[in-house]
Amino acid sequence: MKHVRLPAAVAALGLAGATVGLAQQSPVFSARSELVVLHVLVKDRSGAYVGGLPADAFRVFEEKQPQPIRFFAAEDAPVTVGLLIDNSGSMSPVRDRVIAASTTFVESSNPQDEVFALVFDDDVRPVLEPSAPFTSDAGVLRRALADAFRPAGRTALYDAVDRGLRYVLKGSRERQVLVVVSDGGDNASHAGFTGALISTQASNTTIYTVALVDPLDSESNPGRLAKFAATSGGASFAPHDVAGVDHALQQIALDIRHSYTIGYEPPGARRPPGFHRLRVDVRSPDGRKLVTRTREGYHAP
């Protein structure tokens, strides 16, 4: 299938005015129906990535009801990815290692990815200049982080997630990812955890989290980070030490590059507002047992 550009509304809400065919030509979008978009990671029982699966290997269920797939893409498509880095005082001892791991992450990603970074303490700030809000250059990001990442103050994690979900929509890629590096605590946000979680459910963005937890810090909350990841179809990592941050970011880069993208039209007239649970099953042509990971569902307006 050819590489296609999903409409902006898909990126914003995971729902869009669109209809898409599975034909080999580029799909045609219209405003007559909605498209729910899922990013699906497939592995075998040994944990190895499984690529090259056709569209008919996948089945999508919304509230246990099968849904016809209208869009399918399996290539390593470029993404818009945001690094959300905790800039509170507790991050001071790990600053240099986090900058180095973030640089390696960009170097390992698709060279056509567009990357931004936000740092958050008492407030949330982009590290790149407004005139160039994205980069694919690891050196540019490293220098920007070295200037902006100076740990001090409190932690506005939920505000950062909310800001990241909006900032990522400024990108030009059809897939969106956020990577959050924090201890999971929050003592400075205007947004609450529930509101940030609903915003995540209403978004098409996949969130990965890396929890750097100080066992002596009573405000650390890696469980909150894990919930953002599970809800969106990402994964959470909790390295035992700062050296594990690099390994976690490398694993995230691999996950991003091995994901399938699937779209279907939800049962519009019969769909009440609120959260709708999703499931994706996949059958291997050679009969292997496969495991899928995608978001838990979506929040319909």
Protein backbone atom coordinates (compact mmCIF):
# COMPACT_ATOMS: atom_id res chain seq x y z
CA MET A 1 0.00 0.00 0.00
CA LYS A 2 1.21 3.48 -0.77
CA HIS A 3 2.15 5.92 1.96
CA VAL A 4 -0.80 8.22 2.69
CA ARG A 5 -1.41 11.32 4.73
CA LEU A 6 -4.22 10.98 7.26
CA PRO A 7 -6.39 14.07 7.77
CA ALA A 8 -5.53 16.42 10.61
CA ALA A 9 -8.67 15.54 12.53
CA VAL A 10 -7.57 11.92 12.74
CA ALA A 11 -4.37 13.03 14.39
CA ALA A 12 -6.27 15.31 16.74
CA LEU A 13 -8.94 12.98 18.05
CA GLY A 14 -8.43 9.50 16.67
CA LEU A 15 -11.72 10.21 14.90
CA ALA A 16 -12.07 12.02 11.61
CA GLY A 17 -14.48 12.84 8.84
CA ALA A 18 -13.14 10.29 6.43
CA THR A 19 -13.80 7.19 4.42
CA VAL A 20 -10.94 5.08 3.17
CA GLY A 21 -10.66 2.09 0.84
CA LEU A 22 -8.21 -0.79 0.99
CA ALA A 23 -7.42 -0.53 -2.71
CA GLN A 24 -3.82 -0.21 -3.84
CA GLN A 25 -4.27 3.38 -4.97
CA SER A 26 -4.07 6.23 -2.47
CA PRO A 27 -7.25 6.33 -0.35
CA VAL A 28 -9.77 9.13 -0.84
CA PHE A 29 -11.12 10.90 2.23
CA SER A 30 -14.54 12.52 2.57
CA ALA A 31 -16.48 14.20 5.36
CA ARG A 32 -19.38 11.75 5.45
CA SER A 33 -18.23 9.39 8.19
CA GLU A 34 -15.65 8.97 10.92
CA LEU A 35 -12.42 7.00 11.01
CA VAL A 36 -10.98 5.46 14.18
CA VAL A 37 -7.24 4.95 13.82
CA LEU A 38 -5.21 2.36 15.73
CA HIS A 39 -1.46 1.78 15.87
CA VAL A 40 -0.87 -1.93 16.46
CA LEU A 41 2.34 -3.65 17.54
CA VAL A 42 2.54 -7.39 16.81
CA LYS A 43 5.01 -9.83 18.39
CA ASP A 44 5.30 -13.60 18.58
CA ARG A 45 5.40 -15.51 21.85
CA SER A 46 9.19 -15.11 22.05
CA GLY A 47 8.86 -11.32 21.89
CA ALA A 48 10.13 -10.91 18.31
CA TYR A 49 8.47 -8.31 16.07
CA VAL A 50 6.23 -9.72 13.34
CA GLY A 51 6.22 -7.77 10.09
CA GLY A 52 4.79 -8.28 6.64
CA LEU A 53 1.27 -9.23 7.74
CA PRO A 54 -1.56 -8.44 5.29
CA ALA A 55 -4.68 -6.47 6.20
CA ASP A 56 -6.84 -9.60 6.25
CA ALA A 57 -4.75 -11.00 9.12
CA PHE A 58 -6.28 -8.37 11.44
CA ARG A 59 -9.72 -8.17 13.01
CA VAL A 60 -10.91 -5.09 14.92
CA PHE A 61 -13.64 -5.17 17.58
CA GLU A 62 -15.40 -2.21 19.19
CA GLU A 63 -17.34 -3.20 22.30
CA LYS A 64 -16.92 -6.84 21.12
CA GLN A 65 -18.53 -6.10 17.75
CA PRO A 66 -16.39 -6.73 14.62
CA GLN A 67 -15.63 -3.66 12.50
CA PRO A 68 -14.65 -3.59 8.80
CA ILE A 69 -11.12 -2.28 8.22
CA ARG A 70 -11.04 0.69 5.82
CA PHE A 71 -7.38 1.68 6.06
CA PHE A 72 -4.21 -0.34 6.51
CA ALA A 73 -0.50 0.52 6.38
CA ALA A 74 2.43 -1.65 7.40
CA GLU A 75 5.54 0.28 6.41
CA ASP A 76 8.01 2.10 8.66
CA ALA A 77 6.25 5.42 8.16
CA PRO A 78 7.81 8.55 9.66
CA VAL A 79 6.24 9.96 12.83
CA THR A 80 5.95 13.19 14.73
CA VAL A 81 7.43 12.42 18.14
CA GLY A 82 7.68 14.58 21.23
CA LEU A 83 10.04 14.07 24.16
CA LEU A 84 8.48 15.33 27.41
CA ILE A 85 11.26 15.59 29.97
CA ASP A 86 10.80 16.24 33.67
CA ASN A 87 12.85 19.34 34.52
CA SER A 88 12.11 19.39 38.26
CA GLY A 89 14.86 19.44 40.85
CA SER A 90 14.81 15.65 41.35
CA MET A 91 16.16 15.15 37.81
CA SER A 92 19.41 17.00 38.43
CA PRO A 93 21.55 13.88 39.09
CA VAL A 94 20.49 12.25 35.80
CA ARG A 95 20.52 15.30 33.52
CA ASP A 96 23.54 14.40 31.39
CA ARG A 97 22.50 10.77 30.89
CA VAL A 98 18.98 11.78 29.86
CA ILE A 99 20.36 14.23 27.27
CA ALA A 100 22.69 11.54 25.90
CA ALA A 101 19.89 8.94 25.74
CA SER A 102 17.55 11.40 24.00
CA THR A 103 20.22 12.11 21.40
CA THR A 104 20.74 8.39 20.73
CA PHE A 105 16.96 7.94 20.46
CA VAL A 106 16.80 10.44 17.59
CA GLU A 107 19.79 8.82 15.89
CA SER A 108 18.00 5.43 16.03
CA SER A 109 14.70 6.73 14.67
CA ASN A 110 13.46 7.00 11.09
CA PRO A 111 15.53 9.82 9.53
CA GLN A 112 12.28 11.37 8.27
CA ASP A 113 10.79 11.63 11.76
CA GLU A 114 10.17 15.14 13.06
CA VAL A 115 11.05 15.56 16.72
CA PHE A 116 10.25 18.17 19.34
CA ALA A 117 10.92 18.33 23.06
CA LEU A 118 9.19 19.96 26.01
CA VAL A 119 10.67 20.36 29.48
CA PHE A 120 8.39 20.75 32.47
CA ASP A 121 8.86 21.93 36.03
CA ASP A 122 6.46 24.54 37.45
CA ASP A 123 5.39 25.16 33.85
CA VAL A 124 5.93 23.62 30.39
CA ARG A 125 8.33 25.00 27.77
CA PRO A 126 9.49 23.90 24.29
CA VAL A 127 13.24 23.54 23.88
CA LEU A 128 13.32 24.39 20.15
CA GLU A 129 12.83 27.86 18.72
CA PRO A 130 9.32 28.80 17.42
CA SER A 131 10.84 29.39 13.99
CA ALA A 132 11.93 25.72 13.84
CA PRO A 133 9.62 23.77 16.18
CA PHE A 134 10.74 20.32 14.92
CA THR A 135 14.03 18.71 13.99
CA SER A 136 15.40 15.39 12.71
CA ASP A 137 18.95 16.37 13.64
CA ALA A 138 20.16 14.71 16.84
CA GLY A 139 22.84 17.38 17.31
CA VAL A 140 20.31 20.19 17.16
CA LEU A 141 18.17 18.49 19.79
CA ARG A 142 21.15 17.78 22.03
CA ARG A 143 22.27 21.41 22.01
CA ALA A 144 18.72 22.65 22.64
CA LEU A 145 18.29 20.27 25.58
CA ALA A 146 21.65 21.29 27.02
CA ASP A 147 20.41 24.90 27.08
CA ALA A 148 16.85 24.27 28.29
CA PHE A 149 17.13 21.19 30.54
CA ARG A 150 18.32 22.68 33.84
CA PRO A 151 16.46 20.85 36.62
CA ALA A 152 14.86 22.97 39.35
CA GLY A 153 11.44 23.52 40.90
CA ARG A 154 8.32 21.39 41.05
CA THR A 155 6.63 19.02 38.55
CA ALA A 156 3.71 19.82 36.19
CA LEU A 157 3.42 16.37 34.58
CA TYR A 158 -0.28 16.49 33.67
CA ASP A 159 0.07 19.95 32.12
CA ALA A 160 2.98 18.57 30.07
CA VAL A 161 0.91 15.65 28.75
CA ASP A 162 -1.90 18.02 27.81
CA ARG A 163 0.52 20.42 26.11
CA GLY A 164 2.27 17.57 24.31
CA LEU A 165 -1.00 16.21 22.92
CA ARG A 166 -1.69 19.64 21.41
CA TYR A 167 1.87 20.39 20.27
CA VAL A 168 2.21 17.10 18.37
CA LEU A 169 -0.68 18.14 16.10
CA LYS A 170 1.49 20.91 14.67
CA GLY A 171 3.57 18.22 12.95
CA SER A 172 3.14 17.01 9.40
CA ARG A 173 3.34 13.22 9.96
CA GLU A 174 0.22 11.08 10.18
CA ARG A 175 1.45 9.14 13.21
CA GLN A 176 2.04 10.84 16.56
CA VAL A 177 4.02 9.63 19.57
CA LEU A 178 4.93 11.15 22.94
CA VAL A 179 7.76 9.84 25.12
CA VAL A 180 7.57 10.97 28.75
CA VAL A 181 10.62 10.79 31.04
CA SER A 182 9.64 11.52 34.66
CA ASP A 183 9.10 9.97 38.08
CA GLY A 184 5.32 10.21 37.65
CA GLY A 185 4.77 12.66 40.48
CA ASP A 186 2.85 15.92 40.01
CA ASN A 187 2.69 18.86 42.39
CA ALA A 188 2.32 21.86 40.07
CA SER A 189 -0.23 21.14 37.29
CA HIS A 190 -3.41 23.08 36.61
CA ALA A 191 -4.79 20.00 34.85
CA GLY A 192 -5.72 16.92 36.88
CA PHE A 193 -4.87 13.28 36.22
CA THR A 194 -8.41 12.38 35.10
CA GLY A 195 -8.59 15.26 32.63
CA ALA A 196 -5.19 14.42 31.16
CA LEU A 197 -6.21 10.76 30.84
CA ILE A 198 -9.44 11.65 29.01
CA SER A 199 -7.43 13.89 26.67
CA THR A 200 -5.19 10.89 25.98
CA GLN A 201 -8.20 8.68 25.23
CA ALA A 202 -9.58 11.28 22.83
CA SER A 203 -6.26 11.55 21.00
CA ASN A 204 -4.68 9.38 18.33
CA THR A 205 -1.26 9.80 19.99
CA THR A 206 0.61 6.82 21.41
CA ILE A 207 2.37 7.56 24.71
CA TYR A 208 5.48 5.77 25.98
CA THR A 209 6.76 6.45 29.49
CA VAL A 210 10.08 6.02 31.25
CA ALA A 211 9.80 6.20 35.06
CA LEU A 212 12.89 7.39 36.92
CA VAL A 213 11.88 6.80 40.51
CA ASP A 214 13.77 7.89 43.61
CA PRO A 215 12.72 5.39 46.33
CA LEU A 216 13.07 8.18 48.91
CA ASP A 217 10.66 10.50 47.04
CA SER A 218 7.15 10.01 48.40
CA GLU A 219 5.63 11.99 45.49
CA SER A 220 6.89 9.60 42.79
CA ASN A 221 4.02 7.81 41.04
CA PRO A 222 5.13 5.49 38.21
CA GLY A 223 1.66 3.93 38.16
CA ARG A 224 0.24 7.14 36.70
CA LEU A 225 2.81 7.04 33.90
CA ALA A 226 1.98 3.39 33.20
CA LYS A 227 -1.73 4.26 32.91
CA PHE A 228 -1.06 6.91 30.23
CA ALA A 229 0.97 4.34 28.28
CA ALA A 230 -1.53 1.48 28.57
CA THR A 231 -4.51 3.67 27.65
CA SER A 232 -2.85 4.92 24.47
CA GLY A 233 -1.33 1.62 23.31
CA GLY A 234 2.23 2.48 24.26
CA ALA A 235 4.47 0.86 26.86
CA SER A 236 5.91 1.88 30.22
CA PHE A 237 9.47 1.32 31.39
CA ALA A 238 10.90 1.56 34.89
CA PRO A 239 14.70 1.21 34.63
CA HIS A 240 16.53 0.32 37.83
CA ASP A 241 19.08 3.07 37.27
CA VAL A 242 19.76 5.94 34.90
CA ALA A 243 21.83 3.66 32.65
CA GLY A 244 18.56 1.89 31.79
CA VAL A 245 17.08 5.07 30.29
CA ASP A 246 19.10 4.60 27.12
CA HIS A 247 17.93 0.98 26.77
CA ALA A 248 14.29 2.03 27.30
CA LEU A 249 14.48 4.76 24.66
CA GLN A 250 16.12 2.37 22.20
CA GLN A 251 13.29 -0.12 22.74
CA ILE A 252 10.73 2.63 22.17
CA ALA A 253 12.44 3.61 18.90
CA LEU A 254 12.17 -0.01 17.72
CA ASP A 255 8.48 -0.26 18.72
CA ILE A 256 7.64 2.88 16.77
CA ARG A 257 9.29 1.56 13.63
CA HIS A 258 7.47 -1.81 13.76
CA SER A 259 3.85 -0.66 14.22
CA TYR A 260 0.95 -1.26 11.84
CA THR A 261 -1.70 1.43 11.30
CA ILE A 262 -5.35 0.43 10.96
CA GLY A 263 -8.47 2.55 10.45
CA TYR A 264 -12.16 1.65 10.62
CA GLU A 265 -15.49 3.46 10.54
CA PRO A 266 -17.30 3.23 13.89
CA PRO A 267 -21.05 2.56 14.09
CA GLY A 268 -21.84 6.28 14.17
CA ALA A 269 -25.59 6.47 14.78
CA ARG A 270 -25.45 3.73 17.43
CA ARG A 271 -22.39 5.06 19.26
CA PRO A 272 -23.16 6.92 22.52
CA PRO A 273 -20.67 9.49 23.82
CA GLY A 274 -18.00 8.35 26.25
CA PHE A 275 -15.35 5.64 26.28
CA HIS A 276 -15.52 2.80 23.77
CA ARG A 277 -13.36 -0.27 24.34
CA LEU A 278 -11.37 -1.77 21.46
CA ARG A 279 -9.62 -5.06 20.73
CA VAL A 280 -7.47 -6.18 17.81
CA ASP A 281 -6.91 -9.86 17.00
CA VAL A 282 -4.34 -11.03 14.49
CA ARG A 283 -3.89 -14.40 12.78
CA SER A 284 -0.50 -15.45 11.45
CA PRO A 285 -0.53 -17.06 7.98
CA ASP A 286 1.84 -19.74 9.34
CA GLY A 287 -0.30 -20.47 12.40
CA ARG A 288 2.02 -18.93 15.00
CA LYS A 289 0.48 -17.54 18.18
CA LEU A 290 0.78 -13.77 18.04
CA VAL A 291 0.35 -11.02 20.64
CA THR A 292 -0.94 -7.54 19.81
CA ARG A 293 -0.70 -4.22 21.61
CA THR A 294 -2.83 -1.18 20.83
CA ARG A 295 -4.82 1.41 22.73
CA GLU A 296 -7.60 0.30 25.07
CA GLY A 297 -10.26 2.37 23.33
CA TYR A 298 -11.23 5.92 22.45
CA HIS A 299 -13.30 8.68 23.99
CA ALA A 300 -16.13 9.75 21.67
CA PRO A 301 -17.49 13.29 22.03
